[in-house]
Amino acid sequence: MSDEPERRTVRGELVVRLADAPEILSGLRHEMAQLLRDAAEDEGPEVAAFAQRVAAAFEAGQEA
């Protein structure tokens, strides 16, 4: 017998409705923008200001 633990198969299902895509994408944009804003807190004023502008544009769904 081996000392390795028995491996189990884990299966799951993710269902995403196309009708929900705009809300899902909006939520993801918001989360990513917040991560960028959080990271900007550790930067100098010029970099932080740029990161804030990029985060705002990204959250709005625009290109920066």
Protein backbone atom coordinates (compact mmCIF):
# COMPACT_ATOMS: atom_id res chain seq x y z
CA MET A 1 0.00 0.00 0.00
CA SER A 2 1.10 3.52 -0.72
CA ASP A 3 1.39 6.29 1.87
CA GLU A 4 -0.25 8.72 -0.55
CA PRO A 5 -3.75 9.86 0.37
CA GLU A 6 -6.61 8.58 -1.73
CA ARG A 7 -7.54 11.03 -4.47
CA ARG A 8 -11.15 11.93 -4.93
CA THR A 9 -12.70 13.34 -8.03
CA VAL A 10 -14.49 16.62 -7.46
CA ARG A 11 -16.96 17.75 -10.03
CA GLY A 12 -18.95 20.92 -10.15
CA GLU A 13 -21.08 22.88 -12.50
CA LEU A 14 -21.06 26.59 -13.17
CA VAL A 15 -24.07 28.01 -14.94
CA VAL A 16 -23.93 31.55 -16.30
CA ARG A 17 -26.94 32.90 -18.05
CA LEU A 18 -26.24 35.21 -20.97
CA ALA A 19 -28.92 37.54 -19.65
CA ASP A 20 -26.85 37.98 -16.46
CA ALA A 21 -23.63 38.86 -18.30
CA PRO A 22 -23.94 42.67 -18.03
CA GLU A 23 -24.37 42.51 -14.26
CA ILE A 24 -21.56 39.98 -13.87
CA LEU A 25 -19.17 42.06 -15.98
CA SER A 26 -20.11 45.21 -14.10
CA GLY A 27 -19.38 43.52 -10.79
CA LEU A 28 -16.05 42.22 -12.04
CA ARG A 29 -15.07 45.69 -13.34
CA HIS A 30 -15.97 47.18 -9.97
CA GLU A 31 -13.90 44.61 -8.06
CA MET A 32 -10.87 45.03 -10.32
CA ALA A 33 -11.09 48.82 -10.06
CA GLN A 34 -11.21 48.58 -6.27
CA LEU A 35 -8.10 46.38 -6.27
CA LEU A 36 -6.32 48.99 -8.38
CA ARG A 37 -7.42 51.76 -6.02
CA ASP A 38 -6.20 49.77 -3.02
CA ALA A 39 -2.81 49.21 -4.66
CA ALA A 40 -2.58 52.92 -5.53
CA GLU A 41 -2.59 53.81 -1.83
CA ASP A 42 1.02 52.60 -1.59
CA GLU A 43 2.22 54.70 -4.53
CA GLY A 44 3.42 58.26 -4.91
CA PRO A 45 0.90 61.03 -5.72
CA GLU A 46 1.42 61.01 -9.51
CA VAL A 47 1.16 57.24 -9.83
CA ALA A 48 -1.79 57.13 -7.42
CA ALA A 49 -3.66 59.82 -9.40
CA PHE A 50 -3.05 57.93 -12.64
CA ALA A 51 -4.20 54.66 -11.06
CA GLN A 52 -7.36 56.36 -9.79
CA ARG A 53 -8.16 57.65 -13.30
CA VAL A 54 -7.55 54.23 -14.83
CA ALA A 55 -9.69 52.56 -12.16
CA ALA A 56 -12.57 54.97 -12.79
CA ALA A 57 -12.44 54.41 -16.56
CA PHE A 58 -12.12 50.65 -16.14
CA GLU A 59 -15.06 50.55 -13.74
CA ALA A 60 -17.17 52.50 -16.21
CA GLY A 61 -16.31 49.97 -18.91
CA GLN A 62 -14.23 52.38 -20.94
CA GLU A 63 -10.73 52.08 -22.24
CA ALA A 64 -8.17 54.08 -20.30
